[in-house]
N, C-alpha and C. Protein backbone atom coordinates (compact mmCIF):
# COMPACT_ATOMS: atom_id res chain seq x y z
N UNK A 1 90.10 97.41 -10.73
CA UNK A 1 90.25 98.11 -9.47
C UNK A 1 91.72 98.47 -9.22
N UNK A 2 92.62 97.59 -9.64
CA UNK A 2 94.05 97.86 -9.46
C UNK A 2 94.45 99.10 -10.25
N UNK A 3 93.99 99.21 -11.47
CA UNK A 3 94.30 100.37 -12.31
C UNK A 3 93.73 101.64 -11.68
N UNK A 4 92.52 101.55 -11.12
CA UNK A 4 91.93 102.72 -10.45
C UNK A 4 92.79 103.17 -9.29
N UNK A 5 93.30 102.21 -8.51
CA UNK A 5 94.16 102.56 -7.39
C UNK A 5 95.46 103.18 -7.89
N UNK A 6 96.03 102.61 -8.93
CA UNK A 6 97.25 103.19 -9.49
C UNK A 6 97.00 104.64 -9.92
N UNK A 7 95.87 104.89 -10.56
CA UNK A 7 95.52 106.25 -11.00
C UNK A 7 95.32 107.19 -9.82
N UNK A 8 94.65 106.70 -8.77
CA UNK A 8 94.43 107.52 -7.57
C UNK A 8 95.76 107.89 -6.92
N UNK A 9 96.66 106.92 -6.80
CA UNK A 9 97.96 107.18 -6.20
C UNK A 9 98.72 108.23 -7.02
N UNK A 10 98.74 108.06 -8.32
CA UNK A 10 99.45 109.00 -9.18
C UNK A 10 98.85 110.40 -9.06
N UNK A 11 97.53 110.50 -9.05
CA UNK A 11 96.87 111.80 -8.95
C UNK A 11 97.19 112.50 -7.63
N UNK A 12 97.45 111.72 -6.59
CA UNK A 12 97.74 112.30 -5.27
C UNK A 12 99.24 112.44 -5.01
N UNK A 13 100.05 112.07 -5.99
CA UNK A 13 101.50 112.19 -5.83
C UNK A 13 102.08 111.19 -4.86
N UNK A 14 101.41 110.04 -4.70
CA UNK A 14 101.88 108.99 -3.80
C UNK A 14 102.59 107.93 -4.63
N UNK A 15 103.73 107.50 -4.18
CA UNK A 15 104.54 106.54 -4.94
C UNK A 15 104.03 105.12 -4.75
N UNK A 16 103.84 104.42 -5.87
CA UNK A 16 103.54 102.99 -5.85
C UNK A 16 104.87 102.27 -5.89
N UNK A 17 105.23 101.62 -4.79
CA UNK A 17 106.52 100.95 -4.70
C UNK A 17 106.51 99.59 -5.39
N UNK A 18 105.39 98.86 -5.25
CA UNK A 18 105.34 97.51 -5.83
C UNK A 18 103.91 97.01 -5.90
N UNK A 19 103.70 96.08 -6.80
CA UNK A 19 102.46 95.33 -6.88
C UNK A 19 102.85 93.86 -6.78
N UNK A 20 102.34 93.20 -5.76
CA UNK A 20 102.59 91.77 -5.59
C UNK A 20 101.38 91.04 -6.14
N UNK A 21 101.59 90.29 -7.21
CA UNK A 21 100.52 89.56 -7.87
C UNK A 21 100.46 88.15 -7.31
N UNK A 22 99.77 88.00 -6.19
CA UNK A 22 99.70 86.69 -5.53
C UNK A 22 99.10 85.63 -6.45
N UNK A 23 98.00 85.97 -7.11
CA UNK A 23 97.34 84.98 -7.98
C UNK A 23 98.20 84.65 -9.19
N UNK A 24 98.91 85.62 -9.72
CA UNK A 24 99.81 85.36 -10.84
C UNK A 24 100.94 84.44 -10.46
N UNK A 25 101.50 84.66 -9.28
CA UNK A 25 102.58 83.79 -8.81
C UNK A 25 102.06 82.38 -8.52
N UNK A 26 100.85 82.29 -7.98
CA UNK A 26 100.25 80.97 -7.75
C UNK A 26 100.10 80.23 -9.07
N UNK A 27 99.62 80.93 -10.08
CA UNK A 27 99.44 80.33 -11.40
C UNK A 27 100.75 79.82 -11.98
N UNK A 28 101.83 80.56 -11.75
CA UNK A 28 103.14 80.15 -12.27
C UNK A 28 103.60 78.81 -11.73
N UNK A 29 103.11 78.43 -10.55
CA UNK A 29 103.50 77.14 -9.97
C UNK A 29 102.36 76.12 -10.04
N UNK A 30 101.38 76.40 -10.90
CA UNK A 30 100.32 75.44 -11.14
C UNK A 30 99.17 75.45 -10.15
N UNK A 31 99.04 76.50 -9.36
CA UNK A 31 97.96 76.60 -8.39
C UNK A 31 96.95 77.65 -8.86
N UNK A 32 95.69 77.42 -8.52
CA UNK A 32 94.65 78.37 -8.89
C UNK A 32 94.28 79.21 -7.68
N UNK A 33 94.25 80.51 -7.90
CA UNK A 33 93.87 81.46 -6.85
C UNK A 33 93.07 82.56 -7.52
N UNK A 34 92.00 82.98 -6.88
CA UNK A 34 91.24 84.11 -7.42
C UNK A 34 92.16 85.32 -7.53
N UNK A 35 91.85 86.24 -8.46
CA UNK A 35 92.70 87.42 -8.62
C UNK A 35 92.94 88.12 -7.28
N UNK A 36 94.22 88.26 -6.94
CA UNK A 36 94.62 88.85 -5.66
C UNK A 36 95.93 89.60 -5.86
N UNK A 37 95.89 90.91 -5.60
CA UNK A 37 97.09 91.73 -5.74
C UNK A 37 97.25 92.62 -4.52
N UNK A 38 98.48 92.73 -4.06
CA UNK A 38 98.82 93.59 -2.94
C UNK A 38 99.54 94.81 -3.49
N UNK A 39 98.96 95.97 -3.23
CA UNK A 39 99.53 97.23 -3.70
C UNK A 39 100.30 97.86 -2.53
N UNK A 40 101.57 98.16 -2.74
CA UNK A 40 102.44 98.70 -1.69
C UNK A 40 102.83 100.12 -2.10
N UNK A 41 102.49 101.09 -1.26
CA UNK A 41 102.64 102.49 -1.65
C UNK A 41 102.91 103.37 -0.44
N UNK A 42 103.37 104.58 -0.70
CA UNK A 42 103.56 105.51 0.41
C UNK A 42 104.37 106.72 0.02
N UNK A 43 104.74 107.45 1.04
CA UNK A 43 105.54 108.66 0.90
C UNK A 43 106.51 108.67 2.08
N UNK A 44 107.80 108.62 1.81
CA UNK A 44 108.77 108.61 2.91
C UNK A 44 108.63 109.78 3.87
N UNK A 45 108.10 110.92 3.39
CA UNK A 45 107.90 112.06 4.29
C UNK A 45 106.85 111.75 5.35
N UNK A 46 105.94 110.84 5.05
CA UNK A 46 104.89 110.46 6.00
C UNK A 46 105.30 109.26 6.85
N UNK A 47 105.90 108.27 6.22
CA UNK A 47 106.22 107.03 6.93
C UNK A 47 107.47 107.09 7.79
N UNK A 48 108.47 107.84 7.35
CA UNK A 48 109.73 107.87 8.09
C UNK A 48 109.58 108.36 9.53
N UNK A 49 108.83 109.44 9.81
CA UNK A 49 108.68 109.86 11.20
C UNK A 49 108.06 108.77 12.08
N UNK A 50 107.17 107.98 11.51
CA UNK A 50 106.58 106.88 12.28
C UNK A 50 107.62 105.83 12.59
N UNK A 51 108.43 105.47 11.59
CA UNK A 51 109.45 104.45 11.80
C UNK A 51 110.55 104.92 12.74
N UNK A 52 110.81 106.22 12.76
CA UNK A 52 111.78 106.76 13.72
C UNK A 52 111.23 106.65 15.14
N UNK A 53 109.94 106.96 15.29
CA UNK A 53 109.31 106.90 16.62
C UNK A 53 109.12 105.45 17.08
N UNK A 54 108.85 104.56 16.14
CA UNK A 54 108.59 103.16 16.47
C UNK A 54 109.16 102.29 15.36
N UNK A 55 110.43 101.88 15.47
CA UNK A 55 111.09 101.13 14.40
C UNK A 55 110.33 99.88 13.92
N UNK A 56 109.56 99.24 14.80
CA UNK A 56 108.81 98.05 14.35
C UNK A 56 107.74 98.38 13.33
N UNK A 57 107.38 99.65 13.21
CA UNK A 57 106.38 100.04 12.21
C UNK A 57 106.86 99.72 10.80
N UNK A 58 108.16 99.56 10.63
CA UNK A 58 108.70 99.19 9.31
C UNK A 58 108.19 97.82 8.85
N UNK A 59 107.67 97.03 9.77
CA UNK A 59 107.04 95.76 9.39
C UNK A 59 105.78 95.99 8.58
N UNK A 60 105.10 97.10 8.81
CA UNK A 60 103.82 97.39 8.17
C UNK A 60 103.85 98.57 7.21
N UNK A 61 104.99 99.20 7.09
CA UNK A 61 105.13 100.32 6.16
C UNK A 61 106.13 99.92 5.09
N UNK A 62 105.96 100.38 3.88
CA UNK A 62 104.95 101.27 3.38
C UNK A 62 103.54 100.69 3.52
N UNK A 63 102.57 101.55 3.28
CA UNK A 63 101.17 101.15 3.38
C UNK A 63 100.82 100.13 2.30
N UNK A 64 99.76 99.38 2.56
CA UNK A 64 99.33 98.34 1.63
C UNK A 64 97.82 98.32 1.50
N UNK A 65 97.36 98.02 0.29
CA UNK A 65 95.96 97.72 0.05
C UNK A 65 95.91 96.40 -0.71
N UNK A 66 95.08 95.51 -0.25
CA UNK A 66 94.87 94.22 -0.90
C UNK A 66 93.61 94.30 -1.74
N UNK A 67 93.74 93.97 -3.02
CA UNK A 67 92.60 93.92 -3.93
C UNK A 67 92.42 92.46 -4.30
N UNK A 68 91.28 91.90 -3.91
CA UNK A 68 91.05 90.47 -4.17
C UNK A 68 89.63 90.26 -4.66
N UNK A 69 89.46 89.18 -5.40
CA UNK A 69 88.16 88.85 -5.97
C UNK A 69 87.73 87.49 -5.44
N UNK A 70 86.46 87.38 -5.02
CA UNK A 70 85.98 86.09 -4.51
C UNK A 70 85.43 85.24 -5.65
N UNK A 71 84.97 84.04 -5.32
CA UNK A 71 84.47 83.12 -6.34
C UNK A 71 83.29 83.67 -7.13
N UNK A 72 82.53 84.57 -6.54
CA UNK A 72 81.38 85.17 -7.22
C UNK A 72 81.72 86.40 -8.03
N UNK A 73 82.99 86.79 -8.05
CA UNK A 73 83.41 87.96 -8.81
C UNK A 73 83.37 89.26 -8.03
N UNK A 74 83.02 89.19 -6.75
CA UNK A 74 82.99 90.39 -5.91
C UNK A 74 84.42 90.79 -5.57
N UNK A 75 84.76 92.04 -5.85
CA UNK A 75 86.09 92.56 -5.55
C UNK A 75 86.08 93.16 -4.16
N UNK A 76 87.05 92.78 -3.37
CA UNK A 76 87.18 93.29 -2.00
C UNK A 76 88.45 94.12 -1.90
N UNK A 77 88.36 95.17 -1.11
CA UNK A 77 89.48 96.06 -0.88
C UNK A 77 89.75 96.05 0.61
N UNK A 78 90.96 95.68 1.00
CA UNK A 78 91.30 95.54 2.42
C UNK A 78 92.57 96.31 2.74
N UNK A 79 92.59 96.87 3.95
CA UNK A 79 93.81 97.52 4.43
C UNK A 79 93.78 97.56 5.95
N UNK A 80 94.93 97.78 6.53
CA UNK A 80 95.01 97.98 7.98
C UNK A 80 94.66 99.43 8.29
N UNK A 81 93.89 99.63 9.35
CA UNK A 81 93.53 100.98 9.76
C UNK A 81 94.70 101.65 10.48
N UNK A 82 94.69 102.97 10.46
CA UNK A 82 95.70 103.73 11.19
C UNK A 82 95.63 103.40 12.68
N UNK A 83 94.42 103.21 13.19
CA UNK A 83 94.25 102.87 14.61
C UNK A 83 94.92 101.54 14.94
N UNK A 84 94.72 100.56 14.08
CA UNK A 84 95.34 99.24 14.28
C UNK A 84 96.87 99.38 14.29
N UNK A 85 97.40 100.09 13.30
CA UNK A 85 98.86 100.22 13.21
C UNK A 85 99.43 100.99 14.39
N UNK A 86 98.71 102.02 14.85
CA UNK A 86 99.18 102.78 16.00
C UNK A 86 99.19 101.90 17.25
N UNK A 87 98.15 101.12 17.45
CA UNK A 87 98.09 100.23 18.61
C UNK A 87 99.16 99.14 18.52
N UNK A 88 99.38 98.62 17.34
CA UNK A 88 100.36 97.55 17.14
C UNK A 88 101.78 98.03 17.43
N UNK A 89 102.10 99.28 17.01
CA UNK A 89 103.48 99.75 17.11
C UNK A 89 103.69 100.85 18.15
N UNK A 90 102.61 101.32 18.73
CA UNK A 90 102.67 102.30 19.81
C UNK A 90 103.46 103.57 19.44
N UNK A 91 103.25 104.07 18.23
CA UNK A 91 103.84 105.35 17.88
C UNK A 91 102.89 106.46 18.34
N UNK A 92 103.37 107.69 18.45
CA UNK A 92 102.52 108.79 18.93
C UNK A 92 101.26 108.94 18.07
N UNK A 93 100.14 109.12 18.75
CA UNK A 93 98.85 109.21 18.06
C UNK A 93 98.81 110.34 17.03
N UNK A 94 99.55 111.41 17.30
CA UNK A 94 99.51 112.53 16.35
C UNK A 94 100.11 112.16 14.99
N UNK A 95 100.85 111.07 14.91
CA UNK A 95 101.41 110.62 13.64
C UNK A 95 100.43 109.77 12.83
N UNK A 96 99.29 109.44 13.40
CA UNK A 96 98.32 108.62 12.68
C UNK A 96 97.86 109.29 11.39
N UNK A 97 97.81 110.60 11.38
CA UNK A 97 97.38 111.31 10.16
C UNK A 97 98.32 111.02 9.00
N UNK A 98 99.58 110.68 9.31
CA UNK A 98 100.55 110.38 8.27
C UNK A 98 100.19 109.12 7.47
N UNK A 99 99.42 108.23 8.08
CA UNK A 99 99.11 106.96 7.40
C UNK A 99 97.61 106.77 7.17
N UNK A 100 96.87 107.82 7.26
CA UNK A 100 95.42 107.73 7.01
C UNK A 100 95.10 107.48 5.54
N UNK A 101 96.07 107.64 4.66
CA UNK A 101 95.83 107.53 3.22
C UNK A 101 95.27 106.17 2.80
N UNK A 102 95.72 105.10 3.41
CA UNK A 102 95.25 103.77 2.99
C UNK A 102 93.74 103.64 3.15
N UNK A 103 93.24 104.07 4.27
CA UNK A 103 91.79 103.97 4.50
C UNK A 103 91.01 104.89 3.57
N UNK A 104 91.54 106.09 3.35
CA UNK A 104 90.87 107.04 2.45
C UNK A 104 90.83 106.47 1.03
N UNK A 105 91.94 105.94 0.58
CA UNK A 105 92.00 105.36 -0.77
C UNK A 105 91.09 104.14 -0.88
N UNK A 106 91.10 103.27 0.12
CA UNK A 106 90.24 102.09 0.09
C UNK A 106 88.78 102.49 0.04
N UNK A 107 88.41 103.49 0.81
CA UNK A 107 87.01 103.95 0.80
C UNK A 107 86.67 104.56 -0.55
N UNK A 108 87.56 105.35 -1.11
CA UNK A 108 87.34 105.96 -2.41
C UNK A 108 87.15 104.89 -3.47
N UNK A 109 87.98 103.85 -3.44
CA UNK A 109 87.85 102.75 -4.40
C UNK A 109 86.53 102.03 -4.22
N UNK A 110 86.18 101.75 -2.98
CA UNK A 110 84.93 101.01 -2.69
C UNK A 110 83.71 101.79 -3.15
N UNK A 111 83.76 103.10 -3.01
CA UNK A 111 82.64 103.94 -3.42
C UNK A 111 82.65 104.24 -4.90
N UNK A 112 83.78 103.95 -5.55
CA UNK A 112 83.89 104.19 -6.98
C UNK A 112 83.97 105.65 -7.36
N UNK A 113 84.49 106.47 -6.41
CA UNK A 113 84.63 107.91 -6.66
C UNK A 113 86.08 108.30 -6.59
N UNK A 114 86.37 109.49 -7.09
CA UNK A 114 87.73 110.04 -6.98
C UNK A 114 87.71 111.10 -5.92
């Protein structure tokens, strides 16, 4: 699923800033954790206007998608909605379209389509 997200981001011209491998880091210190990776991505042209309007939005930007697997092997895809982020940081509603990508990508991944 992580590779699929990387491919989707690349196809859409969205920059992948980092992949945080939570389960890999847990393993390095002798702890067991189901596969869990946080994908951090975005486009400064979309995120910067939001952070200018509401500087606290930088706490949640760039956008993130969490890809995690449960004990049964079910892969879950999680992200914050644009509505949640707008309510949390009170930036102008018209800027919500700038960060709709996370939900669109998560839905695309969940449906297994491009």
